[in-house]
């Protein structure tokens, strides 16, 4: 079975947010070693937007060295003078299949609703780019964008939770889940089932949140649910992140499991991995 992680970060000589491992460097070799130990075949790199352009460059170099192991959802300054040119030329950068933004800086909150990114959503729709967003707390706004741009594939990060553990754990973390489930009616919306262990205070296999995962799977289906980890902030081993889904969810079997664990994210992103 192909196992593809829908989100990991790599970085060099930098400081990640407090929820992540507080190490100065977690590079492609570190990632590949952990992936090998966990039985993960490939991963989607998410250059941390707070670390600027350097991490985009680092991700591109990782793809050049390992084109069968990585693709990238990158970022850029959405207010750059040449922003439209950047989007037009995005695929010229090896491995770039789309974009990922968190909008977690105070000045970026307005992006959800003030119309200032209408040009971006339209450009991505025309160009066939996929956009991933940390949308916890903004499901209404996310849904409005997706409805206005039905040809734009958009996916919700981290099960629609508020990211980095900000929404808490256990039942409290899932209080607004119905708002996300309502978006399943939009065929251009998917969900990254990434970071699941971080939303439970129970021990592995985190059974107290399995019911919420089942609700998401039932609503969006196996073609729009993408297993992943965000491994550098997980409270468990990489292998346990895998087996939580492959071994502990009795309702995830057969072809559905193959899709959720890797094939669906490749199809969603249009990533044709080299043989």
C-alpha atoms as a PDB file:
ATOM      1  CA  UNK A   1       0.000   0.000   0.000  1.00  0.00           C
ATOM      2  CA  UNK A   2       1.295   3.423  -0.950  1.00  0.00           C
ATOM      3  CA  UNK A   3       1.579   5.632   2.150  1.00  0.00           C
ATOM      4  CA  UNK A   4       1.841   9.372   1.496  1.00  0.00           C
ATOM      5  CA  UNK A   5       1.915  11.921   4.296  1.00  0.00           C
ATOM      6  CA  UNK A   6      -0.209  14.925   3.325  1.00  0.00           C
ATOM      7  CA  UNK A   7       1.855  17.319   5.478  1.00  0.00           C
ATOM      8  CA  UNK A   8       5.347  17.576   6.857  1.00  0.00           C
ATOM      9  CA  UNK A   9       7.688  20.522   7.394  1.00  0.00           C
ATOM     10  CA  UNK A  10      11.440  20.759   6.911  1.00  0.00           C
ATOM     11  CA  UNK A  11      13.584  23.728   7.914  1.00  0.00           C
ATOM     12  CA  UNK A  12      17.193  24.802   8.478  1.00  0.00           C
ATOM     13  CA  UNK A  13      18.790  27.114  11.017  1.00  0.00           C
ATOM     14  CA  UNK A  14      15.464  28.526  12.117  1.00  0.00           C
ATOM     15  CA  UNK A  15      13.011  28.516  15.010  1.00  0.00           C
ATOM     16  CA  UNK A  16       9.661  26.863  14.524  1.00  0.00           C
ATOM     17  CA  UNK A  17       6.525  27.714  16.493  1.00  0.00           C
ATOM     18  CA  UNK A  18       6.304  26.412  20.045  1.00  0.00           C
ATOM     19  CA  UNK A  19       4.045  23.479  19.096  1.00  0.00           C
ATOM     20  CA  UNK A  20       6.808  21.956  16.952  1.00  0.00           C
ATOM     21  CA  UNK A  21      10.082  20.334  17.908  1.00  0.00           C
ATOM     22  CA  UNK A  22      12.395  23.045  19.139  1.00  0.00           C
ATOM     23  CA  UNK A  23      15.384  22.056  17.066  1.00  0.00           C
ATOM     24  CA  UNK A  24      17.268  24.442  14.763  1.00  0.00           C
ATOM     25  CA  UNK A  25      17.161  22.083  11.789  1.00  0.00           C
ATOM     26  CA  UNK A  26      14.876  19.297  10.618  1.00  0.00           C
ATOM     27  CA  UNK A  27      16.041  18.674   7.073  1.00  0.00           C
ATOM     28  CA  UNK A  28      15.267  16.305   4.233  1.00  0.00           C
ATOM     29  CA  UNK A  29      17.606  13.629   5.592  1.00  0.00           C
ATOM     30  CA  UNK A  30      15.883  13.746   8.980  1.00  0.00           C
ATOM     31  CA  UNK A  31      12.512  13.407   7.297  1.00  0.00           C
ATOM     32  CA  UNK A  32      13.599  10.545   5.056  1.00  0.00           C
ATOM     33  CA  UNK A  33      15.020   8.619   8.007  1.00  0.00           C
ATOM     34  CA  UNK A  34      11.807   8.914  10.011  1.00  0.00           C
ATOM     35  CA  UNK A  35       9.694   8.110   6.963  1.00  0.00           C
ATOM     36  CA  UNK A  36      11.720   4.936   6.371  1.00  0.00           C
ATOM     37  CA  UNK A  37      11.297   3.826   9.976  1.00  0.00           C
ATOM     38  CA  UNK A  38       7.549   4.483   9.835  1.00  0.00           C
ATOM     39  CA  UNK A  39       6.883   2.908   6.449  1.00  0.00           C
ATOM     40  CA  UNK A  40       5.960   6.188   4.763  1.00  0.00           C
ATOM     41  CA  UNK A  41       6.726   6.264   1.033  1.00  0.00           C
ATOM     42  CA  UNK A  42       6.341   9.951   0.227  1.00  0.00           C
ATOM     43  CA  UNK A  43       5.195  13.259   1.660  1.00  0.00           C
ATOM     44  CA  UNK A  44       3.852  16.673   0.731  1.00  0.00           C
ATOM     45  CA  UNK A  45       6.252  19.357   1.934  1.00  0.00           C
ATOM     46  CA  UNK A  46       4.720  22.465   3.496  1.00  0.00           C
ATOM     47  CA  UNK A  47       7.437  25.129   3.789  1.00  0.00           C
ATOM     48  CA  UNK A  48       6.609  27.036   7.012  1.00  0.00           C
ATOM     49  CA  UNK A  49       5.294  30.418   5.882  1.00  0.00           C
ATOM     50  CA  UNK A  50       6.722  32.209   8.927  1.00  0.00           C
ATOM     51  CA  UNK A  51      10.238  31.307   7.759  1.00  0.00           C
ATOM     52  CA  UNK A  52      10.045  33.089   4.416  1.00  0.00           C
ATOM     53  CA  UNK A  53      11.400  32.142   1.019  1.00  0.00           C
ATOM     54  CA  UNK A  54      14.367  30.129   2.288  1.00  0.00           C
ATOM     55  CA  UNK A  55      12.172  27.148   3.166  1.00  0.00           C
ATOM     56  CA  UNK A  56      10.587  27.187  -0.302  1.00  0.00           C
ATOM     57  CA  UNK A  57      14.091  26.925  -1.746  1.00  0.00           C
ATOM     58  CA  UNK A  58      14.953  24.123   0.663  1.00  0.00           C
ATOM     59  CA  UNK A  59      11.823  22.216  -0.367  1.00  0.00           C
ATOM     60  CA  UNK A  60      12.615  22.610  -4.070  1.00  0.00           C
ATOM     61  CA  UNK A  61      16.101  21.206  -3.457  1.00  0.00           C
ATOM     62  CA  UNK A  62      14.528  18.242  -1.652  1.00  0.00           C
ATOM     63  CA  UNK A  63      12.324  17.559  -4.678  1.00  0.00           C
ATOM     64  CA  UNK A  64      15.266  17.814  -7.072  1.00  0.00           C
ATOM     65  CA  UNK A  65      17.131  15.212  -5.038  1.00  0.00           C
ATOM     66  CA  UNK A  66      14.102  12.975  -4.371  1.00  0.00           C
ATOM     67  CA  UNK A  67      11.372  13.612  -6.973  1.00  0.00           C
ATOM     68  CA  UNK A  68       9.643  10.324  -6.117  1.00  0.00           C
ATOM     69  CA  UNK A  69       9.454  11.157  -2.423  1.00  0.00           C
ATOM     70  CA  UNK A  70       8.270  14.765  -2.256  1.00  0.00           C
ATOM     71  CA  UNK A  71       6.061  17.407  -3.805  1.00  0.00           C
ATOM     72  CA  UNK A  72       5.371  20.883  -2.417  1.00  0.00           C
ATOM     73  CA  UNK A  73       2.535  23.177  -1.422  1.00  0.00           C
ATOM     74  CA  UNK A  74       4.485  26.415  -1.153  1.00  0.00           C
ATOM     75  CA  UNK A  75       3.807  29.998  -0.142  1.00  0.00           C
ATOM     76  CA  UNK A  76       4.726  33.541  -1.096  1.00  0.00           C
ATOM     77  CA  UNK A  77       3.965  37.125  -0.122  1.00  0.00           C
ATOM     78  CA  UNK A  78       0.382  37.596  -1.254  1.00  0.00           C
ATOM     79  CA  UNK A  79       0.935  41.356  -1.329  1.00  0.00           C
ATOM     80  CA  UNK A  80       4.132  41.263  -3.396  1.00  0.00           C
ATOM     81  CA  UNK A  81       4.173  43.741  -6.328  1.00  0.00           C
ATOM     82  CA  UNK A  82       4.675  40.865  -8.790  1.00  0.00           C
ATOM     83  CA  UNK A  83       2.231  38.496  -7.087  1.00  0.00           C
ATOM     84  CA  UNK A  84       0.281  37.610 -10.227  1.00  0.00           C
ATOM     85  CA  UNK A  85       3.485  36.802 -12.096  1.00  0.00           C
ATOM     86  CA  UNK A  86       4.573  34.576  -9.204  1.00  0.00           C
ATOM     87  CA  UNK A  87       1.371  32.535  -9.487  1.00  0.00           C
ATOM     88  CA  UNK A  88       1.636  32.250 -13.281  1.00  0.00           C
ATOM     89  CA  UNK A  89       5.173  30.897 -13.024  1.00  0.00           C
ATOM     90  CA  UNK A  90       4.674  28.705  -9.957  1.00  0.00           C
ATOM     91  CA  UNK A  91       4.991  25.371 -11.740  1.00  0.00           C
ATOM     92  CA  UNK A  92       8.372  26.360 -13.128  1.00  0.00           C
ATOM     93  CA  UNK A  93       9.689  25.598  -9.651  1.00  0.00           C
ATOM     94  CA  UNK A  94      10.294  21.835  -9.395  1.00  0.00           C
ATOM     95  CA  UNK A  95       7.749  20.052  -7.245  1.00  0.00           C
ATOM     96  CA  UNK A  96       5.346  22.948  -6.737  1.00  0.00           C
ATOM     97  CA  UNK A  97       1.811  21.592  -7.217  1.00  0.00           C
ATOM     98  CA  UNK A  98      -0.082  24.315  -5.373  1.00  0.00           C
ATOM     99  CA  UNK A  99      -0.177  26.582  -2.340  1.00  0.00           C
ATOM    100  CA  UNK A 100      -0.677  26.405   1.396  1.00  0.00           C
ATOM    101  CA  UNK A 101      -1.399  29.320   3.708  1.00  0.00           C
ATOM    102  CA  UNK A 102      -2.248  29.592   7.402  1.00  0.00           C
ATOM    103  CA  UNK A 103      -3.333  33.259   7.667  1.00  0.00           C
ATOM    104  CA  UNK A 104      -2.241  33.084  11.298  1.00  0.00           C
ATOM    105  CA  UNK A 105      -0.712  36.558  11.464  1.00  0.00           C
ATOM    106  CA  UNK A 106      -3.008  39.343  12.725  1.00  0.00           C
ATOM    107  CA  UNK A 107      -2.857  41.348   9.497  1.00  0.00           C
ATOM    108  CA  UNK A 108      -3.838  38.255   7.482  1.00  0.00           C
ATOM    109  CA  UNK A 109      -7.196  37.633   9.155  1.00  0.00           C
ATOM    110  CA  UNK A 110      -8.838  40.070   6.753  1.00  0.00           C
ATOM    111  CA  UNK A 111      -7.896  37.828   3.824  1.00  0.00           C
ATOM    112  CA  UNK A 112     -10.819  35.578   4.682  1.00  0.00           C
ATOM    113  CA  UNK A 113     -13.522  38.096   3.942  1.00  0.00           C
ATOM    114  CA  UNK A 114     -12.361  41.463   2.587  1.00  0.00           C
ATOM    115  CA  UNK A 115     -12.053  40.366  -1.056  1.00  0.00           C
ATOM    116  CA  UNK A 116      -8.380  41.276  -1.291  1.00  0.00           C
ATOM    117  CA  UNK A 117      -7.507  37.736  -2.443  1.00  0.00           C
ATOM    118  CA  UNK A 118     -10.201  37.415  -5.084  1.00  0.00           C
ATOM    119  CA  UNK A 119      -7.455  37.728  -7.706  1.00  0.00           C
ATOM    120  CA  UNK A 120      -5.598  34.786  -6.108  1.00  0.00           C
ATOM    121  CA  UNK A 121      -8.548  32.403  -5.900  1.00  0.00           C
ATOM    122  CA  UNK A 122      -9.398  33.196  -9.524  1.00  0.00           C
ATOM    123  CA  UNK A 123      -5.821  32.728 -10.702  1.00  0.00           C
ATOM    124  CA  UNK A 124      -5.551  29.366  -8.943  1.00  0.00           C
ATOM    125  CA  UNK A 125      -8.870  28.234 -10.381  1.00  0.00           C
ATOM    126  CA  UNK A 126      -7.773  29.156 -13.904  1.00  0.00           C
ATOM    127  CA  UNK A 127      -4.328  27.640 -13.452  1.00  0.00           C
ATOM    128  CA  UNK A 128      -5.511  24.400 -11.873  1.00  0.00           C
ATOM    129  CA  UNK A 129      -3.618  24.928  -8.632  1.00  0.00           C
ATOM    130  CA  UNK A 130      -4.715  23.306  -5.395  1.00  0.00           C
ATOM    131  CA  UNK A 131      -4.887  25.491  -2.267  1.00  0.00           C
ATOM    132  CA  UNK A 132      -4.648  24.221   1.311  1.00  0.00           C
ATOM    133  CA  UNK A 133      -5.720  26.456   4.193  1.00  0.00           C
ATOM    134  CA  UNK A 134      -5.647  26.297   7.982  1.00  0.00           C
ATOM    135  CA  UNK A 135      -9.337  27.096   8.139  1.00  0.00           C
ATOM    136  CA  UNK A 136     -10.309  26.221  11.711  1.00  0.00           C
ATOM    137  CA  UNK A 137     -12.660  28.924  12.946  1.00  0.00           C
ATOM    138  CA  UNK A 138     -13.300  30.205   9.425  1.00  0.00           C
ATOM    139  CA  UNK A 139     -15.456  27.498   7.866  1.00  0.00           C
ATOM    140  CA  UNK A 140     -18.144  29.925   6.728  1.00  0.00           C
ATOM    141  CA  UNK A 141     -15.583  32.086   4.943  1.00  0.00           C
ATOM    142  CA  UNK A 142     -13.790  29.052   3.518  1.00  0.00           C
ATOM    143  CA  UNK A 143     -17.056  27.691   2.182  1.00  0.00           C
ATOM    144  CA  UNK A 144     -17.957  31.014   0.566  1.00  0.00           C
ATOM    145  CA  UNK A 145     -14.655  31.045  -1.336  1.00  0.00           C
ATOM    146  CA  UNK A 146     -15.121  27.445  -2.461  1.00  0.00           C
ATOM    147  CA  UNK A 147     -18.665  28.163  -3.650  1.00  0.00           C
ATOM    148  CA  UNK A 148     -17.552  31.199  -5.663  1.00  0.00           C
ATOM    149  CA  UNK A 149     -14.792  29.161  -7.322  1.00  0.00           C
ATOM    150  CA  UNK A 150     -16.188  25.683  -8.033  1.00  0.00           C
ATOM    151  CA  UNK A 151     -13.228  24.840 -10.266  1.00  0.00           C
ATOM    152  CA  UNK A 152     -10.725  25.506  -7.467  1.00  0.00           C
ATOM    153  CA  UNK A 153      -9.706  22.503  -5.382  1.00  0.00           C
ATOM    154  CA  UNK A 154      -9.374  23.592  -1.756  1.00  0.00           C
ATOM    155  CA  UNK A 155      -8.603  21.442   1.237  1.00  0.00           C
ATOM    156  CA  UNK A 156      -8.918  22.049   4.951  1.00  0.00           C
ATOM    157  CA  UNK A 157      -5.849  21.448   7.100  1.00  0.00           C
ATOM    158  CA  UNK A 158      -5.681  19.400  10.287  1.00  0.00           C
ATOM    159  CA  UNK A 159      -9.225  18.000  10.312  1.00  0.00           C
ATOM    160  CA  UNK A 160     -10.602  21.529  10.453  1.00  0.00           C
ATOM    161  CA  UNK A 161      -9.338  22.027  13.981  1.00  0.00           C
ATOM    162  CA  UNK A 162      -7.801  25.314  14.959  1.00  0.00           C
ATOM    163  CA  UNK A 163      -4.202  24.231  14.474  1.00  0.00           C
ATOM    164  CA  UNK A 164      -1.279  23.605  16.754  1.00  0.00           C
ATOM    165  CA  UNK A 165      -3.525  22.394  19.546  1.00  0.00           C
ATOM    166  CA  UNK A 166      -5.103  25.849  19.820  1.00  0.00           C
ATOM    167  CA  UNK A 167      -8.601  24.360  19.876  1.00  0.00           C
ATOM    168  CA  UNK A 168      -7.778  22.013  22.741  1.00  0.00           C
ATOM    169  CA  UNK A 169      -8.211  18.268  22.890  1.00  0.00           C
ATOM    170  CA  UNK A 170     -10.906  15.620  23.233  1.00  0.00           C
ATOM    171  CA  UNK A 171     -14.547  16.666  22.810  1.00  0.00           C
ATOM    172  CA  UNK A 172     -13.742  20.378  23.182  1.00  0.00           C
ATOM    173  CA  UNK A 173     -11.570  20.279  20.083  1.00  0.00           C
ATOM    174  CA  UNK A 174     -14.457  19.047  17.941  1.00  0.00           C
ATOM    175  CA  UNK A 175     -17.282  21.285  19.139  1.00  0.00           C
ATOM    176  CA  UNK A 176     -17.589  23.075  15.784  1.00  0.00           C
ATOM    177  CA  UNK A 177     -17.182  19.958  13.619  1.00  0.00           C
ATOM    178  CA  UNK A 178     -20.694  20.257  12.099  1.00  0.00           C
ATOM    179  CA  UNK A 179     -19.650  23.502  10.416  1.00  0.00           C
ATOM    180  CA  UNK A 180     -16.941  21.646   8.518  1.00  0.00           C
ATOM    181  CA  UNK A 181     -19.073  18.615   7.741  1.00  0.00           C
ATOM    182  CA  UNK A 182     -21.565  20.933   6.051  1.00  0.00           C
ATOM    183  CA  UNK A 183     -18.893  21.762   3.456  1.00  0.00           C
ATOM    184  CA  UNK A 184     -18.783  18.163   2.245  1.00  0.00           C
ATOM    185  CA  UNK A 185     -21.571  19.071  -0.164  1.00  0.00           C
ATOM    186  CA  UNK A 186     -19.009  21.048  -2.171  1.00  0.00           C
ATOM    187  CA  UNK A 187     -17.132  18.602  -4.439  1.00  0.00           C
ATOM    188  CA  UNK A 188     -14.106  20.904  -4.668  1.00  0.00           C
ATOM    189  CA  UNK A 189     -13.445  20.709  -0.906  1.00  0.00           C
ATOM    190  CA  UNK A 190     -11.280  18.052   0.764  1.00  0.00           C
ATOM    191  CA  UNK A 191      -9.895  17.473   4.259  1.00  0.00           C
ATOM    192  CA  UNK A 192      -6.401  16.638   5.414  1.00  0.00           C
ATOM    193  CA  UNK A 193      -6.771  14.128   8.234  1.00  0.00           C
ATOM    194  CA  UNK A 194      -3.450  15.345   9.581  1.00  0.00           C
ATOM    195  CA  UNK A 195      -2.384  15.830  13.160  1.00  0.00           C
ATOM    196  CA  UNK A 196      -5.091  13.602  14.637  1.00  0.00           C
ATOM    197  CA  UNK A 197      -3.136  12.433  17.723  1.00  0.00           C
ATOM    198  CA  UNK A 198      -2.634  16.023  18.851  1.00  0.00           C
ATOM    199  CA  UNK A 199      -6.371  16.477  19.375  1.00  0.00           C
ATOM    200  CA  UNK A 200      -6.674  13.732  22.002  1.00  0.00           C
ATOM    201  CA  UNK A 201      -5.361  13.547  25.558  1.00  0.00           C
ATOM    202  CA  UNK A 202      -5.915   9.788  25.635  1.00  0.00           C
ATOM    203  CA  UNK A 203      -3.077   7.300  25.015  1.00  0.00           C
ATOM    204  CA  UNK A 204      -2.470   5.639  21.653  1.00  0.00           C
ATOM    205  CA  UNK A 205      -4.564   4.730  19.654  1.00  0.00           C
ATOM    206  CA  UNK A 206      -6.579   7.795  20.780  1.00  0.00           C
ATOM    207  CA  UNK A 207      -9.899   5.980  20.640  1.00  0.00           C
ATOM    208  CA  UNK A 208     -11.860   8.903  22.069  1.00  0.00           C
ATOM    209  CA  UNK A 209     -11.564  10.771  18.753  1.00  0.00           C
ATOM    210  CA  UNK A 210     -12.177   7.853  16.384  1.00  0.00           C
ATOM    211  CA  UNK A 211     -15.860   8.736  16.174  1.00  0.00           C
ATOM    212  CA  UNK A 212     -15.027  12.203  14.913  1.00  0.00           C
ATOM    213  CA  UNK A 213     -12.697  10.774  12.272  1.00  0.00           C
ATOM    214  CA  UNK A 214     -15.514   8.469  11.149  1.00  0.00           C
ATOM    215  CA  UNK A 215     -17.894  11.415  10.805  1.00  0.00           C
ATOM    216  CA  UNK A 216     -15.407  13.210   8.573  1.00  0.00           C
ATOM    217  CA  UNK A 217     -14.782  10.098   6.487  1.00  0.00           C
ATOM    218  CA  UNK A 218     -18.501   9.454   6.082  1.00  0.00           C
ATOM    219  CA  UNK A 219     -19.145  13.037   5.001  1.00  0.00           C
ATOM    220  CA  UNK A 220     -16.258  13.582   2.579  1.00  0.00           C
ATOM    221  CA  UNK A 221     -15.545  10.031   1.426  1.00  0.00           C
ATOM    222  CA  UNK A 222     -12.209   8.311   0.757  1.00  0.00           C
ATOM    223  CA  UNK A 223     -11.362  10.403  -2.301  1.00  0.00           C
ATOM    224  CA  UNK A 224     -11.403  13.650  -0.290  1.00  0.00           C
ATOM    225  CA  UNK A 225      -9.832  12.527   3.001  1.00  0.00           C
ATOM    226  CA  UNK A 226      -6.053  12.614   3.179  1.00  0.00           C
ATOM    227  CA  UNK A 227      -4.058  10.980   5.994  1.00  0.00           C
ATOM    228  CA  UNK A 228      -1.134  13.015   7.277  1.00  0.00           C
ATOM    229  CA  UNK A 229       0.881  13.876  10.351  1.00  0.00           C
ATOM    230  CA  UNK A 230       2.600  17.265  10.690  1.00  0.00           C
ATOM    231  CA  UNK A 231       5.028  14.923  12.403  1.00  0.00           C
ATOM    232  CA  UNK A 232       7.226  17.484  14.127  1.00  0.00           C
ATOM    233  CA  UNK A 233       4.418  18.407  16.517  1.00  0.00           C
ATOM    234  CA  UNK A 234       2.947  14.962  17.150  1.00  0.00           C
ATOM    235  CA  UNK A 235       2.837  13.463  20.673  1.00  0.00           C
ATOM    236  CA  UNK A 236       3.644   9.968  19.403  1.00  0.00           C
ATOM    237  CA  UNK A 237       5.961   8.144  17.025  1.00  0.00           C
ATOM    238  CA  UNK A 238       5.666   8.460  13.254  1.00  0.00           C
ATOM    239  CA  UNK A 239       4.861   4.763  13.043  1.00  0.00           C
ATOM    240  CA  UNK A 240       1.978   5.180  15.493  1.00  0.00           C
ATOM    241  CA  UNK A 241       0.588   7.994  13.327  1.00  0.00           C
ATOM    242  CA  UNK A 242       0.468   5.444  10.499  1.00  0.00           C
ATOM    243  CA  UNK A 243      -0.924   2.486  12.429  1.00  0.00           C
ATOM    244  CA  UNK A 244      -3.592   4.579  14.145  1.00  0.00           C
ATOM    245  CA  UNK A 245      -5.250   4.684  10.717  1.00  0.00           C
ATOM    246  CA  UNK A 246      -4.098   1.423   9.130  1.00  0.00           C
ATOM    247  CA  UNK A 247      -4.651  -0.873  12.126  1.00  0.00           C
ATOM    248  CA  UNK A 248      -7.008   0.806  14.584  1.00  0.00           C
ATOM    249  CA  UNK A 249      -9.966   2.026  12.496  1.00  0.00           C
ATOM    250  CA  UNK A 250     -12.111  -1.020  11.641  1.00  0.00           C
ATOM    251  CA  UNK A 251     -14.241   1.024   9.240  1.00  0.00           C
ATOM    252  CA  UNK A 252     -11.199   1.949   7.098  1.00  0.00           C
ATOM    253  CA  UNK A 253     -10.512  -1.090   4.931  1.00  0.00           C
ATOM    254  CA  UNK A 254      -9.553  -2.199   1.435  1.00  0.00           C
ATOM    255  CA  UNK A 255      -9.581   0.330  -1.373  1.00  0.00           C
ATOM    256  CA  UNK A 256     -10.859   3.058   0.935  1.00  0.00           C
ATOM    257  CA  UNK A 257      -7.775   2.627   3.116  1.00  0.00           C
ATOM    258  CA  UNK A 258      -5.479   2.792   0.083  1.00  0.00           C
ATOM    259  CA  UNK A 259      -7.088   6.051  -0.957  1.00  0.00           C
ATOM    260  CA  UNK A 260      -6.978   7.734   2.452  1.00  0.00           C
ATOM    261  CA  UNK A 261      -3.405   6.606   3.160  1.00  0.00           C
ATOM    262  CA  UNK A 262      -1.927   8.007  -0.015  1.00  0.00           C
ATOM    263  CA  UNK A 263      -3.544   7.537  -3.372  1.00  0.00           C
ATOM    264  CA  UNK A 264      -6.244  10.165  -2.844  1.00  0.00           C
ATOM    265  CA  UNK A 265      -3.828  12.981  -1.998  1.00  0.00           C
ATOM    266  CA  UNK A 266      -1.727  12.199  -5.084  1.00  0.00           C
ATOM    267  CA  UNK A 267      -4.844  12.294  -7.260  1.00  0.00           C
ATOM    268  CA  UNK A 268      -6.126  15.461  -5.576  1.00  0.00           C
ATOM    269  CA  UNK A 269      -2.842  17.297  -6.160  1.00  0.00           C
ATOM    270  CA  UNK A 270      -2.316  15.842  -9.623  1.00  0.00           C
ATOM    271  CA  UNK A 271       1.046  14.548  -8.432  1.00  0.00           C
ATOM    272  CA  UNK A 272       2.354  11.922 -10.798  1.00  0.00           C
ATOM    273  CA  UNK A 273       5.237  10.400  -8.855  1.00  0.00           C
ATOM    274  CA  UNK A 274       8.161   9.228 -10.997  1.00  0.00           C
ATOM    275  CA  UNK A 275       8.485   5.457 -11.167  1.00  0.00           C
END
